[in-house]
Amino acid sequence: MASSEVYCETTVPAEQPAAKGLTLGGCTAQHLGHRRLLLKGLQLVLSFLAFVLEEVVSECTMCGGLYFFEFVSCCAFLLSILILVLYCTPLHDKIGQSKIEQLDLGIISVVAFFLIIASIVFSATSDKTSLENAAVAFGYLASIAFAVDAGLEFYQKQKTKKERQESTANTHNATENQPLNN
């Protein structure tokens, strides 16, 4: 008995499950799903390209549209980073899926609206140089990506709401809801 151990270790380090499926910069499709993760990545890239191309513009005649587009495209880029951080970090578990989805729907709806307005204003006031046209094109594409994401999120929310109403309606006749016999 001197050479054998009597007690074994009782705790074993937990193994972290490998990320399954699609990943985007360390972010998995666990909380978003494959389609929405790709859409979020597309929003990030398109809004970044719109912002960078707008920053390269060196001269403008009517600069109000350029400045408005600069502000909105930068906000779109930063807010898409924020949403990805919320979905892909431990903050997701602390905040909760439903609150993040509400925040996400609000942000992408507002960004889609203002980005399409900024793209229209910038295209109307630009000098029509190739850089400005490219920035406007990426602005339109980014606004479409945000609008599609908002539409998908709204559809999913309505679908979930309808399923909850149907499941609530089915429980009225359930045995669990009947009074006890005395």
Protein backbone atom coordinates (compact mmCIF):
# COMPACT_ATOMS: atom_id res chain seq x y z
CA MET A 1 0.00 0.00 0.00
CA ALA A 2 2.98 2.27 0.27
CA SER A 3 3.45 2.45 -3.51
CA SER A 4 -0.18 2.78 -4.66
CA GLU A 5 -2.29 5.89 -4.30
CA VAL A 6 -5.48 5.57 -2.32
CA TYR A 7 -7.23 8.64 -3.63
CA CYS A 8 -7.63 9.77 -7.22
CA GLU A 9 -8.11 13.35 -8.29
CA THR A 10 -11.78 14.26 -8.08
CA THR A 11 -11.81 17.18 -10.45
CA VAL A 12 -10.94 16.95 -14.08
CA PRO A 13 -10.43 20.05 -16.20
CA ALA A 14 -13.45 20.61 -18.39
CA GLU A 15 -12.79 20.23 -22.08
CA GLN A 16 -13.84 23.15 -24.22
CA PRO A 17 -15.97 21.95 -27.11
CA ALA A 18 -14.51 22.74 -30.49
CA ALA A 19 -16.34 25.37 -32.47
CA LYS A 20 -18.53 23.66 -35.01
CA GLY A 21 -19.27 25.02 -38.42
CA LEU A 22 -18.60 28.46 -39.74
CA THR A 23 -16.33 30.87 -37.88
CA LEU A 24 -15.68 34.52 -38.61
CA GLY A 25 -12.63 35.95 -36.86
CA GLY A 26 -13.12 33.72 -33.82
CA CYS A 27 -16.87 34.25 -33.80
CA THR A 28 -18.85 31.08 -34.31
CA ALA A 29 -22.32 30.57 -35.66
CA GLN A 30 -23.45 29.31 -32.25
CA HIS A 31 -25.58 32.35 -31.36
CA LEU A 32 -26.18 33.79 -34.83
CA GLY A 33 -26.53 30.93 -37.28
CA HIS A 34 -24.55 30.60 -40.49
CA ARG A 35 -26.63 32.96 -42.62
CA ARG A 36 -26.70 35.80 -40.10
CA LEU A 37 -23.00 35.41 -39.28
CA LEU A 38 -22.15 35.81 -42.96
CA LEU A 39 -24.51 38.77 -43.17
CA LYS A 40 -22.89 40.40 -40.13
CA GLY A 41 -19.46 39.90 -41.70
CA LEU A 42 -20.72 41.37 -44.96
CA GLN A 43 -22.13 44.41 -43.12
CA LEU A 44 -18.80 44.92 -41.40
CA VAL A 45 -16.75 44.70 -44.60
CA LEU A 46 -19.09 46.79 -46.76
CA SER A 47 -19.47 49.59 -44.21
CA PHE A 48 -15.70 49.60 -43.67
CA LEU A 49 -15.05 49.85 -47.42
CA ALA A 50 -17.60 52.66 -47.75
CA PHE A 51 -15.93 54.54 -44.90
CA VAL A 52 -12.37 54.03 -46.17
CA LEU A 53 -13.21 54.99 -49.75
CA GLU A 54 -14.94 58.11 -48.51
CA GLU A 55 -11.89 59.00 -46.41
CA VAL A 56 -9.66 58.83 -49.49
CA VAL A 57 -11.68 61.55 -51.24
CA SER A 58 -9.39 64.59 -51.16
CA GLU A 59 -11.56 67.35 -52.66
CA CYS A 60 -15.24 68.14 -52.67
CA THR A 61 -17.39 70.99 -53.91
CA MET A 62 -20.42 70.44 -51.68
CA CYS A 63 -18.95 68.73 -48.63
CA GLY A 64 -22.09 68.41 -46.48
CA GLY A 65 -23.12 65.11 -48.08
CA LEU A 66 -19.58 63.80 -47.79
CA TYR A 67 -19.40 64.61 -44.08
CA PHE A 68 -22.81 63.11 -43.38
CA PHE A 69 -21.85 59.94 -45.26
CA GLU A 70 -18.55 59.83 -43.37
CA PHE A 71 -20.32 60.00 -40.02
CA VAL A 72 -22.98 57.43 -40.87
CA SER A 73 -20.63 54.92 -42.53
CA CYS A 74 -18.20 55.16 -39.60
CA CYS A 75 -21.06 54.62 -37.13
CA ALA A 76 -22.32 51.67 -39.17
CA PHE A 77 -18.86 50.10 -39.09
CA LEU A 78 -18.38 50.64 -35.36
CA LEU A 79 -21.87 49.47 -34.45
CA SER A 80 -21.47 46.30 -36.52
CA ILE A 81 -18.26 45.60 -34.57
CA LEU A 82 -20.17 46.17 -31.32
CA ILE A 83 -22.91 43.71 -32.28
CA LEU A 84 -20.37 41.06 -33.30
CA VAL A 85 -18.56 41.54 -29.98
CA LEU A 86 -21.83 41.07 -28.10
CA TYR A 87 -22.64 37.88 -30.00
CA CYS A 88 -19.13 36.40 -29.90
CA THR A 89 -17.84 37.05 -26.39
CA PRO A 90 -18.88 35.98 -22.89
CA LEU A 91 -20.89 39.21 -22.73
CA HIS A 92 -23.55 37.28 -24.65
CA ASP A 93 -24.18 35.00 -21.70
CA LYS A 94 -24.21 37.88 -19.20
CA ILE A 95 -26.60 40.09 -21.17
CA GLY A 96 -28.85 37.39 -22.58
CA GLN A 97 -29.97 36.38 -26.05
CA SER A 98 -33.29 38.24 -26.04
CA LYS A 99 -31.80 41.58 -24.98
CA ILE A 100 -29.02 41.31 -27.55
CA GLU A 101 -31.54 40.46 -30.28
CA GLN A 102 -33.64 43.51 -29.35
CA LEU A 103 -30.56 45.73 -29.38
CA ASP A 104 -29.40 44.20 -32.66
CA LEU A 105 -32.76 44.76 -34.36
CA GLY A 106 -32.86 48.37 -33.21
CA ILE A 107 -29.31 49.10 -34.30
CA ILE A 108 -29.48 47.46 -37.72
CA SER A 109 -32.83 49.08 -38.49
CA VAL A 110 -31.59 52.57 -37.62
CA VAL A 111 -28.27 52.03 -39.41
CA ALA A 112 -30.02 50.73 -42.55
CA PHE A 113 -32.29 53.79 -42.60
CA PHE A 114 -29.56 56.37 -42.07
CA LEU A 115 -27.07 54.63 -44.37
CA ILE A 116 -29.50 54.64 -47.29
CA ILE A 117 -30.30 58.32 -46.62
CA ALA A 118 -26.58 59.17 -46.37
CA SER A 119 -25.85 57.28 -49.59
CA ILE A 120 -28.62 59.12 -51.43
CA VAL A 121 -27.46 62.51 -50.12
CA PHE A 122 -23.80 61.78 -50.90
CA SER A 123 -24.58 60.55 -54.41
CA ALA A 124 -26.64 63.70 -55.05
CA THR A 125 -23.98 66.11 -53.75
CA SER A 126 -20.80 64.35 -54.88
CA ASP A 127 -18.54 65.46 -57.72
CA LYS A 128 -19.01 62.02 -59.34
CA THR A 129 -15.34 61.03 -59.13
CA SER A 130 -14.52 57.33 -59.24
CA LEU A 131 -13.69 57.25 -55.51
CA GLU A 132 -16.94 58.94 -54.59
CA ASN A 133 -18.93 56.62 -56.85
CA ALA A 134 -17.23 53.58 -55.30
CA ALA A 135 -17.91 54.86 -51.77
CA VAL A 136 -21.56 55.46 -52.66
CA ALA A 137 -21.83 51.99 -54.21
CA PHE A 138 -20.47 50.35 -51.06
CA GLY A 139 -22.77 52.54 -48.99
CA TYR A 140 -25.78 51.27 -50.94
CA LEU A 141 -24.57 47.67 -50.67
CA ALA A 142 -24.00 48.03 -46.93
CA SER A 143 -27.44 49.56 -46.44
CA ILE A 144 -28.98 46.64 -48.35
CA ALA A 145 -27.08 44.18 -46.12
CA PHE A 146 -28.32 45.97 -42.99
CA ALA A 147 -31.90 46.09 -44.33
CA VAL A 148 -31.89 42.38 -45.23
CA ASP A 149 -30.57 41.55 -41.76
CA ALA A 150 -33.25 43.72 -40.15
CA GLY A 151 -35.90 41.98 -42.25
CA LEU A 152 -34.64 38.52 -41.31
CA GLU A 153 -34.45 39.45 -37.63
CA PHE A 154 -37.96 40.97 -37.68
CA TYR A 155 -39.33 37.87 -39.47
CA GLN A 156 -37.67 35.58 -36.92
CA LYS A 157 -39.06 37.64 -34.05
CA GLN A 158 -42.61 37.49 -35.48
CA LYS A 159 -42.29 33.76 -36.10
CA THR A 160 -41.17 33.17 -32.50
CA LYS A 161 -43.99 35.36 -31.20
CA LYS A 162 -46.57 33.39 -33.22
CA GLU A 163 -45.17 30.05 -32.00
CA ARG A 164 -45.41 31.24 -28.38
CA GLN A 165 -49.03 32.29 -28.88
CA GLU A 166 -49.89 28.91 -30.40
CA SER A 167 -48.17 27.00 -27.60
CA THR A 168 -49.95 29.14 -25.00
CA ALA A 169 -53.30 28.49 -26.67
CA ASN A 170 -52.68 24.73 -26.56
CA THR A 171 -52.02 24.68 -22.81
CA HIS A 172 -55.50 25.91 -21.83
CA ASN A 173 -56.90 22.39 -22.20
CA ALA A 174 -53.90 20.60 -20.77
CA THR A 175 -54.35 18.27 -17.81
CA GLU A 176 -51.93 20.31 -15.73
CA ASN A 177 -54.26 23.30 -15.85
CA GLN A 178 -57.33 21.40 -14.58
CA PRO A 179 -58.40 21.82 -10.93
CA LEU A 180 -57.62 19.00 -8.52
CA ASN A 181 -60.42 16.68 -7.42
CA ASN A 182 -61.17 16.87 -3.70
